[in-house]
Amino acid sequence: MLDTGSAGTVFSADRVLAIGLQYEADDLIHRIRGIGGSEFVFTKKIERLSLGDLQIEDFEIEVGAMDYGIDIDGIIGIDFLVRVGAMIDLAQLKIYPASPEIPG
């Protein structure tokens, strides 16, 4: 899910465990709060995160249970969107890398 109202990018613990990403003793644990309530998450630095043509390296994500009553694997937050310079075209429901021209 793309969420410009979410400060951070968070992924489901079940989904990241499936690709071998798991909690380690030096990972920070903290509580996040949002419209779905609050939960404890751990923070993990990953080598790369890509969303279509948008890509970032050495990026911190949060990992938690994500038991929000809807089935989602993760939330791409404003932290990622700002750092990659994303442009969101709501009329077309598309996301693009920043460029001088808005795609038509």
Protein backbone atom coordinates (compact mmCIF):
# COMPACT_ATOMS: atom_id res chain seq x y z
CA MET A 1 0.00 0.00 0.00
CA LEU A 2 1.23 3.49 -0.83
CA ASP A 3 0.51 5.84 2.08
CA THR A 4 1.64 9.47 1.94
CA GLY A 5 0.27 9.88 5.48
CA SER A 6 2.63 7.26 6.88
CA ALA A 7 5.94 8.69 8.10
CA GLY A 8 7.71 5.35 7.75
CA THR A 9 7.83 2.33 5.49
CA VAL A 10 6.69 -0.83 7.26
CA PHE A 11 6.46 -4.44 6.12
CA SER A 12 4.72 -7.50 7.49
CA ALA A 13 6.99 -9.72 9.59
CA ASP A 14 5.48 -12.80 7.92
CA ARG A 15 6.40 -11.51 4.45
CA VAL A 16 9.98 -10.51 5.27
CA LEU A 17 10.62 -13.78 7.10
CA ALA A 18 9.70 -15.55 3.85
CA ILE A 19 12.70 -13.87 2.17
CA GLY A 20 15.06 -14.51 5.09
CA LEU A 21 14.90 -11.10 6.79
CA GLN A 22 14.50 -11.61 10.52
CA TYR A 23 14.95 -9.87 13.84
CA GLU A 24 18.50 -9.73 15.19
CA ALA A 25 19.64 -8.72 18.67
CA ASP A 26 21.03 -5.35 17.53
CA ASP A 27 17.82 -4.27 15.71
CA LEU A 28 15.99 -1.41 17.42
CA ILE A 29 12.46 -2.02 18.71
CA HIS A 30 9.97 0.81 19.06
CA ARG A 31 6.25 1.53 18.98
CA ILE A 32 4.55 3.11 15.99
CA ARG A 33 1.09 4.68 15.97
CA GLY A 34 -1.32 5.29 13.15
CA ILE A 35 -4.94 5.13 12.11
CA GLY A 36 -4.89 1.35 12.65
CA GLY A 37 -3.71 1.70 16.26
CA SER A 38 -0.23 1.06 17.62
CA GLU A 39 2.20 -1.81 17.46
CA PHE A 40 5.79 -2.68 18.25
CA VAL A 41 8.12 -2.96 15.26
CA PHE A 42 11.80 -3.54 14.73
CA THR A 43 13.92 -1.38 12.45
CA LYS A 44 16.08 -3.00 9.80
CA LYS A 45 18.48 -1.45 7.28
CA ILE A 46 18.13 -3.16 3.91
CA GLU A 47 20.46 -3.02 0.93
CA ARG A 48 17.84 -1.88 -1.58
CA LEU A 49 14.13 -1.17 -1.92
CA SER A 50 12.50 -0.82 -5.33
CA LEU A 51 9.04 0.23 -6.43
CA GLY A 52 8.88 0.11 -10.22
CA ASP A 53 11.52 2.55 -11.49
CA LEU A 54 11.98 4.05 -8.02
CA GLN A 55 14.90 2.61 -6.10
CA ILE A 56 16.90 3.42 -3.00
CA GLU A 57 19.90 1.78 -1.36
CA ASP A 58 20.77 1.47 2.34
CA PHE A 59 17.23 2.22 3.51
CA GLU A 60 15.67 1.64 6.93
CA ILE A 61 12.34 -0.15 7.11
CA GLU A 62 10.16 -1.13 10.02
CA VAL A 63 8.89 -4.69 10.44
CA GLY A 64 5.82 -5.60 12.46
CA ALA A 65 2.74 -7.79 12.72
CA MET A 66 0.60 -5.38 10.65
CA ASP A 67 -2.62 -6.80 12.07
CA TYR A 68 -4.82 -3.93 10.85
CA GLY A 69 -7.90 -5.88 9.82
CA ILE A 70 -6.99 -5.73 6.12
CA ASP A 71 -4.65 -8.00 4.18
CA ILE A 72 -1.57 -5.98 3.18
CA ASP A 73 2.08 -6.97 2.97
CA GLY A 74 3.52 -3.52 3.60
CA ILE A 75 3.15 0.24 3.54
CA ILE A 76 5.39 2.44 1.43
CA GLY A 77 5.62 5.65 3.47
CA ILE A 78 6.58 9.23 2.83
CA ASP A 79 10.17 8.54 3.94
CA PHE A 80 10.72 6.42 0.80
CA LEU A 81 8.67 8.66 -1.49
CA VAL A 82 10.57 11.83 -0.57
CA ARG A 83 14.02 10.26 -0.76
CA VAL A 84 13.40 8.88 -4.26
CA GLY A 85 11.65 12.05 -5.44
CA ALA A 86 8.43 10.26 -6.35
CA MET A 87 5.71 11.96 -8.35
CA ILE A 88 2.21 10.55 -7.90
CA ASP A 89 -0.32 10.94 -10.71
CA LEU A 90 -3.67 10.39 -9.04
CA ALA A 91 -5.65 10.77 -12.28
CA GLN A 92 -3.72 7.84 -13.79
CA LEU A 93 -3.07 6.03 -10.48
CA LYS A 94 0.63 5.83 -11.32
CA ILE A 95 3.88 6.73 -9.61
CA TYR A 96 6.94 8.06 -11.44
CA PRO A 97 10.49 9.18 -10.70
CA ALA A 98 10.74 12.97 -10.49
CA SER A 99 11.35 14.62 -13.83
CA PRO A 100 10.94 18.07 -15.32
CA GLU A 101 7.85 16.90 -17.25
CA ILE A 102 4.76 15.21 -15.87
CA PRO A 103 3.97 12.12 -17.98
CA GLY A 104 0.91 12.55 -20.21
